[in-house]
N, C-alpha and C. Protein backbone atom coordinates (compact mmCIF):
# COMPACT_ATOMS: atom_id res chain seq x y z
N MET A 1 -163.59 180.87 121.01
CA MET A 1 -164.17 179.76 120.27
C MET A 1 -164.98 178.89 121.22
N LYS A 2 -166.16 178.48 120.75
CA LYS A 2 -167.04 177.64 121.55
C LYS A 2 -167.52 176.47 120.70
N LEU A 3 -167.49 175.28 121.28
CA LEU A 3 -168.01 174.08 120.62
C LEU A 3 -169.27 173.63 121.35
N GLU A 4 -170.35 173.51 120.60
CA GLU A 4 -171.60 172.96 121.14
C GLU A 4 -171.55 171.44 121.02
N LYS A 5 -172.53 170.77 121.61
CA LYS A 5 -172.55 169.31 121.62
C LYS A 5 -172.49 168.72 120.21
N LYS A 6 -173.19 169.32 119.25
CA LYS A 6 -173.19 168.77 117.88
C LYS A 6 -171.80 168.81 117.27
N GLU A 7 -170.98 169.83 117.59
CA GLU A 7 -169.60 169.87 117.09
C GLU A 7 -168.72 168.87 117.84
N ILE A 8 -168.97 168.71 119.12
CA ILE A 8 -168.20 167.75 119.94
C ILE A 8 -168.43 166.33 119.41
N ILE A 9 -169.67 166.03 119.04
CA ILE A 9 -170.00 164.70 118.50
C ILE A 9 -169.21 164.42 117.22
N LYS A 10 -168.91 165.44 116.44
CA LYS A 10 -168.13 165.25 115.22
C LYS A 10 -166.66 164.95 115.54
N LEU A 11 -166.20 165.32 116.73
CA LEU A 11 -164.79 165.15 117.10
C LEU A 11 -164.52 163.88 117.90
N LEU A 12 -165.53 163.37 118.59
CA LEU A 12 -165.36 162.21 119.48
C LEU A 12 -166.20 161.03 119.03
N PRO A 13 -165.75 159.81 119.35
CA PRO A 13 -166.56 158.63 119.03
C PRO A 13 -167.67 158.39 120.05
N HIS A 14 -167.65 159.08 121.18
CA HIS A 14 -168.63 158.88 122.25
C HIS A 14 -170.01 159.37 121.83
N ARG A 15 -171.02 158.66 122.30
CA ARG A 15 -172.41 159.04 122.07
C ARG A 15 -173.16 158.93 123.39
N PRO A 16 -174.27 159.66 123.50
CA PRO A 16 -175.07 159.55 124.73
C PRO A 16 -175.43 158.09 124.99
N PRO A 17 -175.43 157.63 126.20
CA PRO A 17 -175.23 158.44 127.40
C PRO A 17 -173.76 158.64 127.80
N MET A 18 -172.82 158.03 127.10
CA MET A 18 -171.41 158.14 127.52
C MET A 18 -170.74 159.44 127.11
N LEU A 19 -171.33 160.22 126.24
CA LEU A 19 -170.77 161.53 125.93
C LEU A 19 -171.13 162.45 127.09
N LEU A 20 -170.14 162.81 127.86
CA LEU A 20 -170.36 163.58 129.09
C LEU A 20 -170.26 165.09 128.89
N ILE A 21 -169.55 165.53 127.87
CA ILE A 21 -169.26 166.94 127.67
C ILE A 21 -170.43 167.62 126.94
N ASP A 22 -170.90 168.74 127.48
CA ASP A 22 -172.00 169.48 126.86
C ASP A 22 -171.52 170.63 125.99
N GLU A 23 -170.44 171.27 126.38
CA GLU A 23 -169.85 172.32 125.55
C GLU A 23 -168.41 172.56 125.97
N ILE A 24 -167.66 173.18 125.06
CA ILE A 24 -166.25 173.51 125.31
C ILE A 24 -166.04 174.95 124.83
N TYR A 25 -165.32 175.72 125.61
CA TYR A 25 -165.08 177.12 125.25
C TYR A 25 -163.68 177.54 125.68
N ASP A 26 -163.30 178.75 125.32
CA ASP A 26 -161.96 179.29 125.62
C ASP A 26 -160.85 178.37 125.12
N ILE A 27 -160.99 177.85 123.91
CA ILE A 27 -160.00 176.93 123.36
C ILE A 27 -158.83 177.72 122.79
N LYS A 28 -157.63 177.41 123.30
CA LYS A 28 -156.41 177.99 122.74
C LYS A 28 -155.21 177.15 123.16
N ASN A 29 -154.30 176.97 122.22
CA ASN A 29 -153.06 176.22 122.49
C ASN A 29 -153.32 174.84 123.10
N TYR A 30 -154.26 174.10 122.52
CA TYR A 30 -154.59 172.74 122.97
C TYR A 30 -155.09 172.71 124.42
N SER A 31 -155.64 173.80 124.89
CA SER A 31 -156.21 173.90 126.23
C SER A 31 -157.60 174.52 126.10
N GLY A 32 -158.41 174.39 127.14
CA GLY A 32 -159.74 174.98 127.10
C GLY A 32 -160.54 174.63 128.34
N THR A 33 -161.81 175.02 128.30
CA THR A 33 -162.73 174.81 129.42
C THR A 33 -163.94 174.06 128.90
N ALA A 34 -164.38 173.05 129.66
CA ALA A 34 -165.53 172.25 129.26
C ALA A 34 -166.61 172.29 130.33
N LEU A 35 -167.83 172.07 129.89
CA LEU A 35 -168.98 172.04 130.79
C LEU A 35 -169.61 170.66 130.75
N VAL A 36 -169.85 170.10 131.94
CA VAL A 36 -170.61 168.86 132.09
C VAL A 36 -171.81 169.19 132.95
N SER A 37 -172.98 169.03 132.40
CA SER A 37 -174.20 169.29 133.16
C SER A 37 -174.58 168.01 133.92
N VAL A 38 -174.41 168.05 135.23
CA VAL A 38 -174.68 166.87 136.07
C VAL A 38 -176.10 167.01 136.62
N LYS A 39 -176.98 166.13 136.15
CA LYS A 39 -178.39 166.21 136.51
C LYS A 39 -178.82 165.02 137.37
N LYS A 40 -179.91 165.19 138.09
CA LYS A 40 -180.43 164.11 138.93
C LYS A 40 -180.84 162.89 138.12
N ASN A 41 -181.17 163.09 136.83
CA ASN A 41 -181.56 161.95 136.00
C ASN A 41 -180.42 161.47 135.11
N SER A 42 -179.19 161.96 135.31
CA SER A 42 -178.04 161.45 134.56
C SER A 42 -177.88 159.96 134.83
N PHE A 43 -177.54 159.20 133.79
CA PHE A 43 -177.47 157.74 133.93
C PHE A 43 -176.55 157.30 135.06
N PHE A 44 -175.50 158.03 135.31
CA PHE A 44 -174.49 157.59 136.27
C PHE A 44 -174.86 157.86 137.72
N VAL A 45 -175.89 158.64 137.99
CA VAL A 45 -176.27 158.86 139.38
C VAL A 45 -177.46 158.01 139.81
N GLN A 46 -178.10 157.34 138.85
CA GLN A 46 -179.30 156.55 139.16
C GLN A 46 -179.03 155.48 140.23
N GLY A 47 -177.91 154.78 140.13
CA GLY A 47 -177.62 153.72 141.09
C GLY A 47 -176.38 153.96 141.92
N HIS A 48 -175.79 155.13 141.79
CA HIS A 48 -174.56 155.45 142.53
C HIS A 48 -174.95 156.25 143.77
N PHE A 49 -175.10 155.53 144.88
CA PHE A 49 -175.58 156.10 146.14
C PHE A 49 -176.95 156.75 145.95
N PRO A 50 -178.00 155.95 145.61
CA PRO A 50 -179.31 156.51 145.30
C PRO A 50 -179.89 157.43 146.38
N GLU A 51 -179.54 157.19 147.64
CA GLU A 51 -180.05 158.05 148.71
C GLU A 51 -179.34 159.41 148.73
N GLN A 52 -178.12 159.46 148.24
CA GLN A 52 -177.33 160.70 148.13
C GLN A 52 -176.50 160.59 146.86
N PRO A 53 -177.13 160.80 145.70
CA PRO A 53 -176.42 160.58 144.43
C PRO A 53 -175.24 161.51 144.24
N ILE A 54 -174.15 160.95 143.71
CA ILE A 54 -172.98 161.74 143.35
C ILE A 54 -172.44 161.24 142.01
N MET A 55 -171.68 162.10 141.35
CA MET A 55 -171.03 161.69 140.10
C MET A 55 -169.81 160.85 140.47
N PRO A 56 -169.68 159.64 139.94
CA PRO A 56 -168.51 158.81 140.25
C PRO A 56 -167.21 159.49 139.83
N GLY A 57 -166.19 159.37 140.67
CA GLY A 57 -164.89 159.96 140.37
C GLY A 57 -164.31 159.48 139.07
N VAL A 58 -164.52 158.21 138.75
CA VAL A 58 -163.98 157.66 137.50
C VAL A 58 -164.61 158.37 136.29
N LEU A 59 -165.84 158.84 136.41
CA LEU A 59 -166.47 159.56 135.30
C LEU A 59 -166.00 161.02 135.23
N ILE A 60 -165.54 161.55 136.33
CA ILE A 60 -164.90 162.87 136.27
C ILE A 60 -163.61 162.75 135.47
N ILE A 61 -162.85 161.68 135.71
CA ILE A 61 -161.63 161.42 134.93
C ILE A 61 -161.99 161.20 133.46
N GLU A 62 -163.05 160.44 133.20
CA GLU A 62 -163.50 160.23 131.82
C GLU A 62 -163.86 161.56 131.15
N ALA A 63 -164.53 162.43 131.90
CA ALA A 63 -164.90 163.74 131.35
C ALA A 63 -163.65 164.56 131.04
N PHE A 64 -162.65 164.52 131.93
CA PHE A 64 -161.38 165.18 131.64
C PHE A 64 -160.83 164.68 130.30
N GLY A 65 -160.80 163.35 130.15
CA GLY A 65 -160.25 162.75 128.93
C GLY A 65 -161.04 163.13 127.69
N GLN A 66 -162.37 163.10 127.77
CA GLN A 66 -163.19 163.48 126.63
C GLN A 66 -162.95 164.94 126.24
N ALA A 67 -162.90 165.80 127.23
CA ALA A 67 -162.68 167.23 126.95
C ALA A 67 -161.33 167.44 126.29
N ALA A 68 -160.29 166.81 126.83
CA ALA A 68 -158.95 166.96 126.26
C ALA A 68 -158.90 166.42 124.83
N ALA A 69 -159.54 165.27 124.60
CA ALA A 69 -159.55 164.68 123.25
C ALA A 69 -160.25 165.61 122.26
N ALA A 70 -161.39 166.17 122.65
CA ALA A 70 -162.12 167.07 121.75
C ALA A 70 -161.34 168.35 121.49
N ILE A 71 -160.72 168.91 122.52
CA ILE A 71 -159.91 170.12 122.36
C ILE A 71 -158.75 169.85 121.42
N THR A 72 -158.08 168.73 121.62
CA THR A 72 -156.93 168.38 120.79
C THR A 72 -157.36 168.14 119.35
N ALA A 73 -158.45 167.37 119.15
CA ALA A 73 -158.94 167.10 117.80
C ALA A 73 -159.32 168.39 117.09
N HIS A 74 -159.96 169.28 117.81
CA HIS A 74 -160.37 170.57 117.23
C HIS A 74 -159.15 171.42 116.85
N SER A 75 -158.09 171.33 117.66
CA SER A 75 -156.91 172.18 117.48
C SER A 75 -155.94 171.65 116.42
N LEU A 76 -155.95 170.34 116.19
CA LEU A 76 -155.04 169.74 115.21
C LEU A 76 -155.50 170.04 113.79
N ASP A 77 -154.56 170.00 112.88
CA ASP A 77 -154.90 170.04 111.46
C ASP A 77 -155.76 168.81 111.18
N LYS A 78 -156.85 169.01 110.45
CA LYS A 78 -157.80 167.91 110.21
C LYS A 78 -157.14 166.68 109.62
N SER A 79 -156.15 166.86 108.77
CA SER A 79 -155.48 165.70 108.15
C SER A 79 -154.72 164.86 109.18
N ASN A 80 -154.32 165.48 110.30
CA ASN A 80 -153.62 164.75 111.37
C ASN A 80 -154.59 163.99 112.27
N TYR A 81 -155.88 164.32 112.19
CA TYR A 81 -156.84 163.68 113.09
C TYR A 81 -157.86 162.80 112.37
N GLU A 82 -157.98 162.94 111.06
CA GLU A 82 -158.93 162.12 110.31
C GLU A 82 -158.62 160.64 110.52
N ASN A 83 -159.66 159.86 110.75
CA ASN A 83 -159.55 158.41 110.96
C ASN A 83 -158.66 158.04 112.14
N LYS A 84 -158.67 158.89 113.17
CA LYS A 84 -157.89 158.65 114.39
C LYS A 84 -158.83 158.67 115.59
N LEU A 85 -158.35 158.10 116.67
CA LEU A 85 -159.02 158.14 117.98
C LEU A 85 -158.00 158.54 119.03
N VAL A 86 -158.48 159.13 120.10
CA VAL A 86 -157.62 159.46 121.23
C VAL A 86 -157.98 158.51 122.37
N PHE A 87 -156.98 157.76 122.87
CA PHE A 87 -157.20 156.83 123.98
C PHE A 87 -156.45 157.30 125.22
N LEU A 88 -157.12 157.23 126.35
CA LEU A 88 -156.50 157.48 127.64
C LEU A 88 -155.50 156.36 127.92
N ILE A 89 -154.26 156.72 128.28
CA ILE A 89 -153.27 155.67 128.54
C ILE A 89 -152.69 155.71 129.95
N GLY A 90 -152.97 156.77 130.70
CA GLY A 90 -152.46 156.83 132.07
C GLY A 90 -153.08 157.96 132.85
N VAL A 91 -153.27 157.73 134.15
CA VAL A 91 -153.78 158.76 135.05
C VAL A 91 -152.84 158.81 136.25
N GLU A 92 -152.41 160.01 136.60
CA GLU A 92 -151.56 160.18 137.77
C GLU A 92 -152.12 161.30 138.63
N LYS A 93 -151.83 161.23 139.88
CA LYS A 93 -152.14 162.31 140.81
C LYS A 93 -153.59 162.76 140.77
N ALA A 94 -154.53 161.84 140.61
CA ALA A 94 -155.94 162.19 140.67
C ALA A 94 -156.33 162.41 142.12
N LYS A 95 -157.02 163.52 142.37
CA LYS A 95 -157.51 163.83 143.72
C LYS A 95 -158.96 164.25 143.62
N PHE A 96 -159.77 163.72 144.51
CA PHE A 96 -161.18 164.07 144.57
C PHE A 96 -161.40 164.77 145.90
N ARG A 97 -161.71 166.05 145.84
CA ARG A 97 -161.76 166.89 147.04
C ARG A 97 -163.14 166.95 147.66
N SER A 98 -164.18 166.97 146.83
CA SER A 98 -165.56 167.04 147.31
C SER A 98 -166.44 166.28 146.33
N PRO A 99 -167.54 165.70 146.81
CA PRO A 99 -168.43 164.99 145.89
C PRO A 99 -169.16 165.95 144.97
N VAL A 100 -169.35 165.52 143.73
CA VAL A 100 -170.10 166.30 142.74
C VAL A 100 -171.55 165.81 142.82
N ILE A 101 -172.40 166.67 143.33
CA ILE A 101 -173.80 166.32 143.61
C ILE A 101 -174.70 166.98 142.57
N PRO A 102 -175.60 166.20 141.95
CA PRO A 102 -176.52 166.80 140.98
C PRO A 102 -177.46 167.77 141.72
N ASP A 103 -178.03 168.66 141.12
CA ASP A 103 -177.99 169.29 139.83
C ASP A 103 -176.94 170.40 139.87
N CYS A 104 -175.94 170.30 139.01
CA CYS A 104 -174.89 171.31 138.99
C CYS A 104 -174.20 171.31 137.63
N ASN A 105 -173.43 172.33 137.42
CA ASN A 105 -172.56 172.40 136.25
C ASN A 105 -171.13 172.16 136.72
N LEU A 106 -170.53 171.12 136.20
CA LEU A 106 -169.13 170.81 136.49
C LEU A 106 -168.29 171.46 135.41
N ILE A 107 -167.41 172.34 135.81
CA ILE A 107 -166.55 173.08 134.89
C ILE A 107 -165.16 172.45 134.92
N LEU A 108 -164.67 172.03 133.76
CA LEU A 108 -163.36 171.38 133.65
C LEU A 108 -162.39 172.34 132.97
N LYS A 109 -161.32 172.68 133.65
CA LYS A 109 -160.27 173.51 133.06
C LYS A 109 -159.13 172.58 132.67
N ILE A 110 -158.88 172.48 131.36
CA ILE A 110 -157.93 171.54 130.79
C ILE A 110 -156.73 172.29 130.24
N GLU A 111 -155.54 171.85 130.63
CA GLU A 111 -154.30 172.43 130.11
C GLU A 111 -153.45 171.33 129.49
N SER A 112 -153.02 171.55 128.28
CA SER A 112 -152.07 170.63 127.65
C SER A 112 -150.69 170.94 128.21
N MET A 113 -150.04 169.94 128.77
CA MET A 113 -148.71 170.13 129.36
C MET A 113 -147.62 169.96 128.32
N ARG A 114 -147.76 168.90 127.51
CA ARG A 114 -146.75 168.65 126.47
C ARG A 114 -147.24 167.53 125.55
N SER A 115 -146.60 167.45 124.40
CA SER A 115 -146.86 166.33 123.50
C SER A 115 -145.52 165.86 122.96
N HIS A 116 -145.46 164.57 122.75
CA HIS A 116 -144.26 163.95 122.17
C HIS A 116 -144.76 162.91 121.18
N GLY A 117 -144.69 163.25 119.90
CA GLY A 117 -145.23 162.35 118.89
C GLY A 117 -146.73 162.22 119.04
N LYS A 118 -147.20 161.01 119.24
CA LYS A 118 -148.63 160.76 119.38
C LYS A 118 -149.09 160.70 120.83
N VAL A 119 -148.18 160.98 121.77
CA VAL A 119 -148.53 160.94 123.19
C VAL A 119 -148.63 162.37 123.72
N TRP A 120 -149.75 162.64 124.40
CA TRP A 120 -150.02 163.96 124.97
C TRP A 120 -150.19 163.82 126.48
N LYS A 121 -149.81 164.86 127.21
CA LYS A 121 -150.00 164.89 128.66
C LYS A 121 -150.79 166.15 129.00
N TYR A 122 -151.77 165.98 129.89
CA TYR A 122 -152.68 167.06 130.27
C TYR A 122 -152.78 167.15 131.79
N GLU A 123 -153.23 168.32 132.23
CA GLU A 123 -153.64 168.46 133.63
C GLU A 123 -154.99 169.17 133.63
N GLY A 124 -155.79 168.84 134.62
CA GLY A 124 -157.10 169.46 134.68
C GLY A 124 -157.58 169.63 136.09
N GLU A 125 -158.49 170.59 136.23
CA GLU A 125 -159.15 170.84 137.50
C GLU A 125 -160.64 170.93 137.22
N ALA A 126 -161.44 170.40 138.16
CA ALA A 126 -162.90 170.40 138.03
C ALA A 126 -163.48 171.27 139.14
N PHE A 127 -164.43 172.12 138.76
CA PHE A 127 -165.02 173.07 139.70
C PHE A 127 -166.55 173.03 139.63
N VAL A 128 -167.18 173.28 140.77
CA VAL A 128 -168.61 173.57 140.85
C VAL A 128 -168.72 174.87 141.63
N ASN A 129 -169.33 175.86 141.03
CA ASN A 129 -169.46 177.18 141.66
C ASN A 129 -168.12 177.69 142.19
N GLU A 130 -167.08 177.54 141.39
CA GLU A 130 -165.72 178.01 141.68
C GLU A 130 -165.03 177.24 142.81
N LYS A 131 -165.66 176.19 143.33
CA LYS A 131 -165.03 175.34 144.35
C LYS A 131 -164.37 174.17 143.64
N LYS A 132 -163.08 173.94 143.92
CA LYS A 132 -162.37 172.83 143.29
C LYS A 132 -162.88 171.51 143.85
N MET A 133 -163.34 170.64 142.91
CA MET A 133 -163.91 169.35 143.28
C MET A 133 -162.93 168.21 143.05
N ALA A 134 -162.10 168.34 141.99
CA ALA A 134 -161.17 167.26 141.63
C ALA A 134 -160.07 167.86 140.77
N GLU A 135 -158.99 167.06 140.65
CA GLU A 135 -157.87 167.44 139.78
C GLU A 135 -157.16 166.16 139.36
N ALA A 136 -156.47 166.24 138.25
CA ALA A 136 -155.73 165.07 137.77
C ALA A 136 -154.72 165.49 136.72
N ILE A 137 -153.76 164.61 136.51
CA ILE A 137 -152.83 164.66 135.39
C ILE A 137 -153.02 163.34 134.66
N TRP A 138 -153.11 163.38 133.34
CA TRP A 138 -153.31 162.15 132.56
C TRP A 138 -152.60 162.23 131.23
N SER A 139 -152.44 161.06 130.62
CA SER A 139 -151.81 160.96 129.31
C SER A 139 -152.79 160.27 128.35
N ALA A 140 -152.63 160.63 127.06
CA ALA A 140 -153.46 160.04 126.02
C ALA A 140 -152.60 159.87 124.77
N THR A 141 -153.05 158.98 123.91
CA THR A 141 -152.34 158.78 122.66
C THR A 141 -153.33 158.81 121.50
N ILE A 142 -152.85 159.20 120.35
CA ILE A 142 -153.66 159.22 119.14
C ILE A 142 -153.33 157.97 118.34
N VAL A 143 -154.38 157.19 118.02
CA VAL A 143 -154.19 155.93 117.29
C VAL A 143 -155.09 155.90 116.06
N ASP A 144 -154.74 155.05 115.11
CA ASP A 144 -155.56 154.88 113.91
C ASP A 144 -156.84 154.15 114.24
N LYS A 145 -157.95 154.58 113.61
CA LYS A 145 -159.21 153.83 113.73
C LYS A 145 -159.05 152.53 112.98
N LYS A 146 -159.68 151.47 113.50
CA LYS A 146 -159.63 150.16 112.83
C LYS A 146 -160.92 149.89 112.14
């Protein structure tokens, strides 16, 4: 199963430029792989070390969260996700191993670790050309839209 950007937009409240995920594939059991196309003209690299632009680590974490939210929303029964949002509630053990330098494709491998009610826990790894760039464990919750 593959989700293109237009399907991702239906699952998430994020819109460009804050929608970081370009596609999601290999979705199974609330896990999957996401692609973030990091370009020299991406909004987040314009002023982040302009002489040597890099993707901010906090946005790698945001991309992990967006990918996990879209995978979870896609995997849940629609009635369980209608009029809901997924909010990041905690980040643990985040490690940034190498800077993510444009122009590249950042590949996010997302694994659902467990869920308890409306709280989910995930782990993810980020790669560029099969080199691990970052990793994290985070939690999210599903809440009603207001």
